[in-house]
Structure formats: C-alpha cells, structure tokens
Amino acid sequence: MPELRTARGRISAYGLACGYAESAYHGRVNVTLWAEHGVYHVRAHDHGNKRRVFWKSFHRLSDARKHFDHARVLIVAHNATWADADAEAAAMA
C-alpha cells in the first residue's frame, strides 16, 4: 500500500488524493494545500478580516508545494502584509 507521508514527513500525492491536506496556521491566518480531481490547490485565508488572500491551482504537486512553502514563509513566519502576499502571489502566477 502506498504511504500517506513522504520521507520528509509531508503528505504524499497518494495522501492528498485520499483527502488529506497540509495546513499552516499563524493566529488568524491559515495556508492550506490539498488535491481535488487531479488538481492541487493552495489557498490562504485571513479569518480575522474574513477574506481569502489567494487561491492558486496547479497541475504538478511540486509547483503547488513551492507555492505553499513560499506562502507559509511569507505570511505565517514573517507576518508580511497582505499587500506583500498579493504581490508575491501575482508574481508567481
């Protein structure tokens, strides 16, 4: 049976296909990576301001992971402003 996690501890493509998701939280902000119908989605929400920061979709898991990791660092770890997050998301599109 395929593994749900990779050797690095991340959810595998199989795990994502089974409905698992990766999430990172910081206060009122969360960034989530999940799969649906063969497409990988990365979405950030600011629950305090009740708005979605961005939602990007990718055909390759590697691209989705890069965007998820970048968003997590930008938004969660460094408390960047939403203007920075929006600009970065637009640059990666």
PDB file of N, CA and C in Angstrom:
ATOM      1  N   MET A   1       0.838  -1.182   0.000  1.00  0.00           N
ATOM      2  CA  MET A   1       0.000   0.000   0.000  1.00  0.00           C
ATOM      3  C   MET A   1       0.881   1.242   0.000  1.00  0.00           C
ATOM      4  N   PRO A   2       0.544   2.248  -0.800  1.00  0.00           N
ATOM      5  CA  PRO A   2       1.336   3.481  -0.827  1.00  0.00           C
ATOM      6  C   PRO A   2       1.306   4.193   0.527  1.00  0.00           C
ATOM      7  N   GLU A   3       2.329   4.959   0.771  1.00  0.00           N
ATOM      8  CA  GLU A   3       2.471   5.694   2.033  1.00  0.00           C
ATOM      9  C   GLU A   3       1.678   7.001   1.984  1.00  0.00           C
ATOM     10  N   LEU A   4       1.159   7.412   3.137  1.00  0.00           N
ATOM     11  CA  LEU A   4       0.445   8.684   3.242  1.00  0.00           C
ATOM     12  C   LEU A   4       1.396   9.855   3.421  1.00  0.00           C
ATOM     13  N   ARG A   5       2.612   9.575   3.887  1.00  0.00           N
ATOM     14  CA  ARG A   5       3.607  10.626   4.107  1.00  0.00           C
ATOM     15  C   ARG A   5       4.886  10.308   3.360  1.00  0.00           C
ATOM     16  N   THR A   6       5.600  11.369   3.007  1.00  0.00           N
ATOM     17  CA  THR A   6       6.900  11.218   2.358  1.00  0.00           C
ATOM     18  C   THR A   6       7.964  10.998   3.425  1.00  0.00           C
ATOM     19  N   ALA A   7       9.179  10.721   2.991  1.00  0.00           N
ATOM     20  CA  ALA A   7      10.288  10.549   3.935  1.00  0.00           C
ATOM     21  C   ALA A   7      10.551  11.827   4.727  1.00  0.00           C
ATOM     22  N   ARG A   8      10.193  12.968   4.170  1.00  0.00           N
ATOM     23  CA  ARG A   8      10.378  14.263   4.851  1.00  0.00           C
ATOM     24  C   ARG A   8       9.202  14.628   5.755  1.00  0.00           C
ATOM     25  N   GLY A   9       8.205  13.754   5.841  1.00  0.00           N
ATOM     26  CA  GLY A   9       7.081  13.990   6.733  1.00  0.00           C
ATOM     27  C   GLY A   9       5.922  14.760   6.128  1.00  0.00           C
ATOM     28  N   ARG A  10       5.971  15.036   4.851  1.00  0.00           N
ATOM     29  CA  ARG A  10       4.893  15.769   4.194  1.00  0.00           C
ATOM     30  C   ARG A  10       3.839  14.786   3.701  1.00  0.00           C
ATOM     31  N   ILE A  11       2.643  15.274   3.457  1.00  0.00           N
ATOM     32  CA  ILE A  11       1.599  14.424   2.907  1.00  0.00           C
ATOM     33  C   ILE A  11       1.997  14.062   1.471  1.00  0.00           C
ATOM     34  N   SER A  12       1.925  12.790   1.137  1.00  0.00           N
ATOM     35  CA  SER A  12       2.307  12.330  -0.201  1.00  0.00           C
ATOM     36  C   SER A  12       1.191  12.639  -1.206  1.00  0.00           C
ATOM     37  N   ALA A  13       1.494  12.466  -2.487  1.00  0.00           N
ATOM     38  CA  ALA A  13       0.483  12.648  -3.529  1.00  0.00           C
ATOM     39  C   ALA A  13      -0.685  11.695  -3.283  1.00  0.00           C
ATOM     40  N   TYR A  14      -0.370  10.472  -2.855  1.00  0.00           N
ATOM     41  CA  TYR A  14      -1.409   9.494  -2.528  1.00  0.00           C
ATOM     42  C   TYR A  14      -2.263   9.999  -1.363  1.00  0.00           C
ATOM     43  N   GLY A  15      -1.626  10.512  -0.331  1.00  0.00           N
ATOM     44  CA  GLY A  15      -2.352  11.044   0.819  1.00  0.00           C
ATOM     45  C   GLY A  15      -3.256  12.204   0.438  1.00  0.00           C
ATOM     46  N   LEU A  16      -2.750  13.093  -0.410  1.00  0.00           N
ATOM     47  CA  LEU A  16      -3.562  14.217  -0.878  1.00  0.00           C
ATOM     48  C   LEU A  16      -4.750  13.721  -1.688  1.00  0.00           C
ATOM     49  N   ALA A  17      -4.518  12.694  -2.531  1.00  0.00           N
ATOM     50  CA  ALA A  17      -5.600  12.124  -3.330  1.00  0.00           C
ATOM     51  C   ALA A  17      -6.651  11.449  -2.446  1.00  0.00           C
ATOM     52  N   CYS A  18      -6.240  10.979  -1.269  1.00  0.00           N
ATOM     53  CA  CYS A  18      -7.166  10.345  -0.322  1.00  0.00           C
ATOM     54  C   CYS A  18      -7.936  11.359   0.520  1.00  0.00           C
ATOM     55  N   GLY A  19      -7.651  12.640   0.348  1.00  0.00           N
ATOM     56  CA  GLY A  19      -8.395  13.665   1.066  1.00  0.00           C
ATOM     57  C   GLY A  19      -7.653  14.350   2.186  1.00  0.00           C
ATOM     58  N   TYR A  20      -6.399  13.967   2.431  1.00  0.00           N
ATOM     59  CA  TYR A  20      -5.608  14.651   3.447  1.00  0.00           C
ATOM     60  C   TYR A  20      -5.165  16.007   2.911  1.00  0.00           C
ATOM     61  N   ALA A  21      -4.813  16.921   3.807  1.00  0.00           N
ATOM     62  CA  ALA A  21      -4.363  18.256   3.414  1.00  0.00           C
ATOM     63  C   ALA A  21      -3.235  18.695   4.331  1.00  0.00           C
ATOM     64  N   GLU A  22      -2.399  19.589   3.828  1.00  0.00           N
ATOM     65  CA  GLU A  22      -1.358  20.223   4.643  1.00  0.00           C
ATOM     66  C   GLU A  22      -1.834  21.628   4.980  1.00  0.00           C
ATOM     67  N   SER A  23      -1.666  22.028   6.224  1.00  0.00           N
ATOM     68  CA  SER A  23      -2.055  23.369   6.648  1.00  0.00           C
ATOM     69  C   SER A  23      -0.999  23.972   7.554  1.00  0.00           C
ATOM     70  N   ALA A  24      -0.893  25.274   7.487  1.00  0.00           N
ATOM     71  CA  ALA A  24      -0.016  26.035   8.377  1.00  0.00           C
ATOM     72  C   ALA A  24      -0.857  27.176   8.937  1.00  0.00           C
ATOM     73  N   TYR A  25      -0.805  27.358  10.243  1.00  0.00           N
ATOM     74  CA  TYR A  25      -1.595  28.383  10.916  1.00  0.00           C
ATOM     75  C   TYR A  25      -0.680  29.366  11.634  1.00  0.00           C
ATOM     76  N   HIS A  26      -1.105  30.616  11.648  1.00  0.00           N
ATOM     77  CA  HIS A  26      -0.451  31.632  12.463  1.00  0.00           C
ATOM     78  C   HIS A  26      -1.525  32.619  12.884  1.00  0.00           C
ATOM     79  N   GLY A  27      -1.959  32.495  14.116  1.00  0.00           N
ATOM     80  CA  GLY A  27      -3.023  33.376  14.586  1.00  0.00           C
ATOM     81  C   GLY A  27      -4.285  33.167  13.788  1.00  0.00           C
ATOM     82  N   ARG A  28      -4.734  34.212  13.144  1.00  0.00           N
ATOM     83  CA  ARG A  28      -5.982  34.146  12.388  1.00  0.00           C
ATOM     84  C   ARG A  28      -5.789  33.760  10.923  1.00  0.00           C
ATOM     85  N   VAL A  29      -4.566  33.479  10.523  1.00  0.00           N
ATOM     86  CA  VAL A  29      -4.255  33.191   9.120  1.00  0.00           C
ATOM     87  C   VAL A  29      -3.925  31.716   8.949  1.00  0.00           C
ATOM     88  N   ASN A  30      -4.459  31.112   7.892  1.00  0.00           N
ATOM     89  CA  ASN A  30      -4.047  29.756   7.565  1.00  0.00           C
ATOM     90  C   ASN A  30      -3.783  29.615   6.072  1.00  0.00           C
ATOM     91  N   VAL A  31      -2.832  28.747   5.759  1.00  0.00           N
ATOM     92  CA  VAL A  31      -2.474  28.409   4.375  1.00  0.00           C
ATOM     93  C   VAL A  31      -2.684  26.905   4.247  1.00  0.00           C
ATOM     94  N   THR A  32      -3.377  26.479   3.188  1.00  0.00           N
ATOM     95  CA  THR A  32      -3.723  25.070   3.022  1.00  0.00           C
ATOM     96  C   THR A  32      -3.360  24.585   1.628  1.00  0.00           C
ATOM     97  N   LEU A  33      -2.857  23.346   1.571  1.00  0.00           N
ATOM     98  CA  LEU A  33      -2.558  22.651   0.309  1.00  0.00           C
ATOM     99  C   LEU A  33      -3.396  21.385   0.293  1.00  0.00           C
ATOM    100  N   TRP A  34      -4.168  21.165  -0.779  1.00  0.00           N
ATOM    101  CA  TRP A  34      -4.968  19.950  -0.914  1.00  0.00           C
ATOM    102  C   TRP A  34      -5.149  19.609  -2.386  1.00  0.00           C
ATOM    103  N   ALA A  35      -5.626  18.395  -2.640  1.00  0.00           N
ATOM    104  CA  ALA A  35      -5.858  17.935  -4.013  1.00  0.00           C
ATOM    105  C   ALA A  35      -7.346  17.670  -4.215  1.00  0.00           C
ATOM    106  N   GLU A  36      -7.784  17.935  -5.446  1.00  0.00           N
ATOM    107  CA  GLU A  36      -9.183  17.691  -5.794  1.00  0.00           C
ATOM    108  C   GLU A  36      -9.258  17.458  -7.294  1.00  0.00           C
ATOM    109  N   HIS A  37      -9.753  16.293  -7.696  1.00  0.00           N
ATOM    110  CA  HIS A  37      -9.917  15.942  -9.107  1.00  0.00           C
ATOM    111  C   HIS A  37      -8.624  16.076  -9.907  1.00  0.00           C
ATOM    112  N   GLY A  38      -7.515  15.651  -9.312  1.00  0.00           N
ATOM    113  CA  GLY A  38      -6.234  15.671 -10.004  1.00  0.00           C
ATOM    114  C   GLY A  38      -5.561  17.029 -10.082  1.00  0.00           C
ATOM    115  N   VAL A  39      -6.084  18.007  -9.384  1.00  0.00           N
ATOM    116  CA  VAL A  39      -5.510  19.350  -9.358  1.00  0.00           C
ATOM    117  C   VAL A  39      -5.129  19.671  -7.910  1.00  0.00           C
ATOM    118  N   TYR A  40      -3.979  20.316  -7.741  1.00  0.00           N
ATOM    119  CA  TYR A  40      -3.500  20.693  -6.410  1.00  0.00           C
ATOM    120  C   TYR A  40      -3.815  22.165  -6.168  1.00  0.00           C
ATOM    121  N   HIS A  41      -4.390  22.451  -5.010  1.00  0.00           N
ATOM    122  CA  HIS A  41      -4.805  23.810  -4.673  1.00  0.00           C
ATOM    123  C   HIS A  41      -4.011  24.313  -3.474  1.00  0.00           C
ATOM    124  N   VAL A  42      -3.683  25.605  -3.509  1.00  0.00           N
ATOM    125  CA  VAL A  42      -3.051  26.288  -2.379  1.00  0.00           C
ATOM    126  C   VAL A  42      -3.894  27.531  -2.112  1.00  0.00           C
ATOM    127  N   ARG A  43      -4.329  27.659  -0.870  1.00  0.00           N
ATOM    128  CA  ARG A  43      -5.218  28.766  -0.529  1.00  0.00           C
ATOM    129  C   ARG A  43      -4.801  29.348   0.815  1.00  0.00           C
ATOM    130  N   ALA A  44      -4.884  30.671   0.925  1.00  0.00           N
ATOM    131  CA  ALA A  44      -4.616  31.369   2.191  1.00  0.00           C
ATOM    132  C   ALA A  44      -5.850  32.169   2.569  1.00  0.00           C
ATOM    133  N   HIS A  45      -6.220  32.088   3.847  1.00  0.00           N
ATOM    134  CA  HIS A  45      -7.358  32.831   4.383  1.00  0.00           C
ATOM    135  C   HIS A  45      -6.925  33.650   5.587  1.00  0.00           C
ATOM    136  N   ASP A  46      -7.447  34.841   5.669  1.00  0.00           N
ATOM    137  CA  ASP A  46      -7.323  35.669   6.861  1.00  0.00           C
ATOM    138  C   ASP A  46      -8.698  35.621   7.529  1.00  0.00           C
ATOM    139  N   HIS A  47      -8.823  34.782   8.538  1.00  0.00           N
ATOM    140  CA  HIS A  47     -10.119  34.607   9.191  1.00  0.00           C
ATOM    141  C   HIS A  47     -10.502  35.797  10.053  1.00  0.00           C
ATOM    142  N   GLY A  48      -9.522  36.570  10.489  1.00  0.00           N
ATOM    143  CA  GLY A  48      -9.819  37.764  11.269  1.00  0.00           C
ATOM    144  C   GLY A  48     -10.519  38.825  10.430  1.00  0.00           C
ATOM    145  N   ASN A  49     -10.042  39.021   9.219  1.00  0.00           N
ATOM    146  CA  ASN A  49     -10.649  40.001   8.314  1.00  0.00           C
ATOM    147  C   ASN A  49     -11.685  39.378   7.397  1.00  0.00           C
ATOM    148  N   LYS A  50     -11.901  38.075   7.544  1.00  0.00           N
ATOM    149  CA  LYS A  50     -12.894  37.329   6.763  1.00  0.00           C
ATOM    150  C   LYS A  50     -12.694  37.526   5.271  1.00  0.00           C
ATOM    151  N   ARG A  51     -11.452  37.249   4.836  1.00  0.00           N
ATOM    152  CA  ARG A  51     -11.190  37.355   3.396  1.00  0.00           C
ATOM    153  C   ARG A  51     -10.166  36.321   2.969  1.00  0.00           C
ATOM    154  N   ARG A  52     -10.307  35.898   1.731  1.00  0.00           N
ATOM    155  CA  ARG A  52      -9.333  34.996   1.142  1.00  0.00           C
ATOM    156  C   ARG A  52      -8.207  35.845   0.592  1.00  0.00           C
ATOM    157  N   VAL A  53      -6.989  35.466   0.916  1.00  0.00           N
ATOM    158  CA  VAL A  53      -5.821  36.209   0.442  1.00  0.00           C
ATOM    159  C   VAL A  53      -5.518  35.787  -0.991  1.00  0.00           C
ATOM    160  N   PHE A  54      -5.463  34.475  -1.228  1.00  0.00           N
ATOM    161  CA  PHE A  54      -5.298  33.973  -2.590  1.00  0.00           C
ATOM    162  C   PHE A  54      -5.745  32.525  -2.656  1.00  0.00           C
ATOM    163  N   TRP A  55      -5.964  32.058  -3.880  1.00  0.00           N
ATOM    164  CA  TRP A  55      -6.277  30.654  -4.159  1.00  0.00           C
ATOM    165  C   TRP A  55      -5.675  30.360  -5.519  1.00  0.00           C
ATOM    166  N   LYS A  56      -4.672  29.501  -5.541  1.00  0.00           N
ATOM    167  CA  LYS A  56      -3.985  29.125  -6.782  1.00  0.00           C
ATOM    168  C   LYS A  56      -4.129  27.622  -6.997  1.00  0.00           C
ATOM    169  N   SER A  57      -4.220  27.206  -8.247  1.00  0.00           N
ATOM    170  CA  SER A  57      -4.338  25.797  -8.599  1.00  0.00           C
ATOM    171  C   SER A  57      -3.190  25.395  -9.512  1.00  0.00           C
ATOM    172  N   PHE A  58      -2.719  24.152  -9.349  1.00  0.00           N
ATOM    173  CA  PHE A  58      -1.557  23.661 -10.085  1.00  0.00           C
ATOM    174  C   PHE A  58      -1.806  22.236 -10.571  1.00  0.00           C
ATOM    175  N   HIS A  59      -1.207  21.883 -11.691  1.00  0.00           N
ATOM    176  CA  HIS A  59      -1.292  20.520 -12.203  1.00  0.00           C
ATOM    177  C   HIS A  59      -0.184  19.641 -11.646  1.00  0.00           C
ATOM    178  N   ARG A  60       0.887  20.248 -11.171  1.00  0.00           N
ATOM    179  CA  ARG A  60       2.014  19.476 -10.620  1.00  0.00           C
ATOM    180  C   ARG A  60       2.130  19.733  -9.119  1.00  0.00           C
ATOM    181  N   LEU A  61       2.303  18.650  -8.366  1.00  0.00           N
ATOM    182  CA  LEU A  61       2.446  18.762  -6.920  1.00  0.00           C
ATOM    183  C   LEU A  61       3.676  19.574  -6.546  1.00  0.00           C
ATOM    184  N   SER A  62       4.759  19.418  -7.302  1.00  0.00           N
ATOM    185  CA  SER A  62       5.981  20.165  -6.975  1.00  0.00           C
ATOM    186  C   SER A  62       5.739  21.677  -7.044  1.00  0.00           C
ATOM    187  N   ASP A  63       4.973  22.129  -8.031  1.00  0.00           N
ATOM    188  CA  ASP A  63       4.663  23.560  -8.140  1.00  0.00           C
ATOM    189  C   ASP A  63       3.779  24.012  -6.980  1.00  0.00           C
ATOM    190  N   ALA A  64       2.807  23.186  -6.617  1.00  0.00           N
ATOM    191  CA  ALA A  64       1.921  23.523  -5.502  1.00  0.00           C
ATOM    192  C   ALA A  64       2.696  23.591  -4.189  1.00  0.00           C
ATOM    193  N   ARG A  65       3.608  22.642  -3.982  1.00  0.00           N
ATOM    194  CA  ARG A  65       4.417  22.651  -2.747  1.00  0.00           C
ATOM    195  C   ARG A  65       5.293  23.901  -2.673  1.00  0.00           C
ATOM    196  N   LYS A  66       5.885  24.297  -3.804  1.00  0.00           N
ATOM    197  CA  LYS A  66       6.709  25.513  -3.814  1.00  0.00           C
ATOM    198  C   LYS A  66       5.875  26.726  -3.422  1.00  0.00           C
ATOM    199  N   HIS A  67       4.681  26.827  -3.975  1.00  0.00           N
ATOM    200  CA  HIS A  67       3.819  27.964  -3.669  1.00  0.00           C
ATOM    201  C   HIS A  67       3.364  27.921  -2.212  1.00  0.00           C
ATOM    202  N   PHE A  68       3.009  26.737  -1.715  1.00  0.00           N
ATOM    203  CA  PHE A  68       2.607  26.569  -0.322  1.00  0.00           C
ATOM    204  C   PHE A  68       3.746  26.971   0.611  1.00  0.00           C
ATOM    205  N   ASP A  69       4.943  26.473   0.351  1.00  0.00           N
ATOM    206  CA  ASP A  69       6.093  26.791   1.202  1.00  0.00           C
ATOM    207  C   ASP A  69       6.405  28.276   1.181  1.00  0.00           C
ATOM    208  N   HIS A  70       6.342  28.871  -0.003  1.00  0.00           N
ATOM    209  CA  HIS A  70       6.616  30.302  -0.132  1.00  0.00           C
ATOM    210  C   HIS A  70       5.565  31.110   0.637  1.00  0.00           C
ATOM    211  N   ALA A  71       4.308  30.752   0.480  1.00  0.00           N
ATOM    212  CA  ALA A  71       3.234  31.471   1.173  1.00  0.00           C
ATOM    213  C   ALA A  71       3.352  31.303   2.680  1.00  0.00           C
ATOM    214  N   ARG A  72       3.695  30.100   3.119  1.00  0.00           N
ATOM    215  CA  ARG A  72       3.838  29.848   4.552  1.00  0.00           C
ATOM    216  C   ARG A  72       4.944  30.714   5.141  1.00  0.00           C
ATOM    217  N   VAL A  73       6.062  30.804   4.451  1.00  0.00           N
ATOM    218  CA  VAL A  73       7.167  31.635   4.936  1.00  0.00           C
ATOM    219  C   VAL A  73       6.773  33.106   4.913  1.00  0.00           C
ATOM    220  N   LEU A  74       6.192  33.539   3.818  1.00  0.00           N
ATOM    221  CA  LEU A  74       5.842  34.950   3.662  1.00  0.00           C
ATOM    222  C   LEU A  74       4.766  35.382   4.653  1.00  0.00           C
ATOM    223  N   ILE A  75       3.699  34.622   4.753  1.00  0.00           N
ATOM    224  CA  ILE A  75       2.557  35.034   5.555  1.00  0.00           C
ATOM    225  C   ILE A  75       2.684  34.594   7.005  1.00  0.00           C
ATOM    226  N   VAL A  76       3.021  33.337   7.228  1.00  0.00           N
ATOM    227  CA  VAL A  76       2.980  32.789   8.578  1.00  0.00           C
ATOM    228  C   VAL A  76       4.211  33.163   9.385  1.00  0.00           C
ATOM    229  N   ALA A  77       5.393  32.860   8.892  1.00  0.00           N
ATOM    230  CA  ALA A  77       6.608  33.034   9.680  1.00  0.00           C
ATOM    231  C   ALA A  77       7.037  34.492   9.829  1.00  0.00           C
ATOM    232  N   HIS A  78       6.805  35.291   8.816  1.00  0.00           N
ATOM    233  CA  HIS A  78       7.321  36.657   8.844  1.00  0.00           C
ATOM    234  C   HIS A  78       6.254  37.725   8.991  1.00  0.00           C
ATOM    235  N   ASN A  79       4.992  37.330   9.127  1.00  0.00           N
ATOM    236  CA  ASN A  79       3.901  38.287   9.324  1.00  0.00           C
ATOM    237  C   ASN A  79       3.914  39.399   8.269  1.00  0.00           C
ATOM    238  N   ALA A  80       4.075  39.024   7.029  1.00  0.00           N
ATOM    239  CA  ALA A  80       4.098  40.015   5.949  1.00  0.00           C
ATOM    240  C   ALA A  80       2.726  40.668   5.809  1.00  0.00           C
ATOM    241  N   THR A  81       2.704  41.823   5.215  1.00  0.00           N
ATOM    242  CA  THR A  81       1.424  42.491   4.985  1.00  0.00           C
ATOM    243  C   THR A  81       0.706  41.800   3.841  1.00  0.00           C
ATOM    244  N   TRP A  82      -0.596  42.000   3.755  1.00  0.00           N
ATOM    245  CA  TRP A  82      -1.355  41.363   2.678  1.00  0.00           C
ATOM    246  C   TRP A  82      -0.985  41.941   1.328  1.00  0.00           C
ATOM    247  N   ALA A  83      -0.573  43.182   1.280  1.00  0.00           N
ATOM    248  CA  ALA A  83      -0.127  43.749   0.010  1.00  0.00           C
ATOM    249  C   ALA A  83       1.082  42.967  -0.503  1.00  0.00           C
ATOM    250  N   ASP A  84       2.007  42.609   0.397  1.00  0.00           N
ATOM    251  CA  ASP A  84       3.158  41.791   0.008  1.00  0.00           C
ATOM    252  C   ASP A  84       2.697  40.421  -0.490  1.00  0.00           C
ATOM    253  N   ALA A  85       1.759  39.818   0.223  1.00  0.00           N
ATOM    254  CA  ALA A  85       1.273  38.489  -0.148  1.00  0.00           C
ATOM    255  C   ALA A  85       0.591  38.528  -1.506  1.00  0.00           C
ATOM    256  N   ASP A  86      -0.249  39.541  -1.743  1.00  0.00           N
ATOM    257  CA  ASP A  86      -0.933  39.656  -3.019  1.00  0.00           C
ATOM    258  C   ASP A  86       0.053  39.865  -4.157  1.00  0.00           C
ATOM    259  N   ALA A  87       1.065  40.698  -3.941  1.00  0.00           N
ATOM    260  CA  ALA A  87       2.076  40.954  -4.964  1.00  0.00           C
ATOM    261  C   ALA A  87       2.876  39.696  -5.271  1.00  0.00           C
ATOM    262  N   GLU A  88       3.251  38.956  -4.242  1.00  0.00           N
ATOM    263  CA  GLU A  88       4.009  37.717  -4.436  1.00  0.00           C
ATOM    264  C   GLU A  88       3.174  36.682  -5.174  1.00  0.00           C
ATOM    265  N   ALA A  89       1.904  36.560  -4.827  1.00  0.00           N
ATOM    266  CA  ALA A  89       1.018  35.600  -5.479  1.00  0.00           C
ATOM    267  C   ALA A  89       0.854  35.955  -6.956  1.00  0.00           C
ATOM    268  N   ALA A  90       0.725  37.240  -7.247  1.00  0.00           N
ATOM    269  CA  ALA A  90       0.597  37.666  -8.638  1.00  0.00           C
ATOM    270  C   ALA A  90       1.876  37.400  -9.418  1.00  0.00           C
ATOM    271  N   ALA A  91       3.030  37.562  -8.761  1.00  0.00           N
ATOM    272  CA  ALA A  91       4.309  37.341  -9.432  1.00  0.00           C
ATOM    273  C   ALA A  91       4.518  35.869  -9.739  1.00  0.00           C
ATOM    274  N   MET A  92       3.976  34.985  -8.903  1.00  0.00           N
ATOM    275  CA  MET A  92       4.150  33.543  -9.113  1.00  0.00           C
ATOM    276  C   MET A  92       3.154  32.972 -10.106  1.00  0.00           C
ATOM    277  N   ALA A  93       2.121  33.738 -10.468  1.00  0.00           N
ATOM    278  CA  ALA A  93       1.073  33.245 -11.381  1.00  0.00           C
ATOM    279  C   ALA A  93       1.578  33.113 -12.802  1.00  0.00           C
TER     280      ALA A  93
END
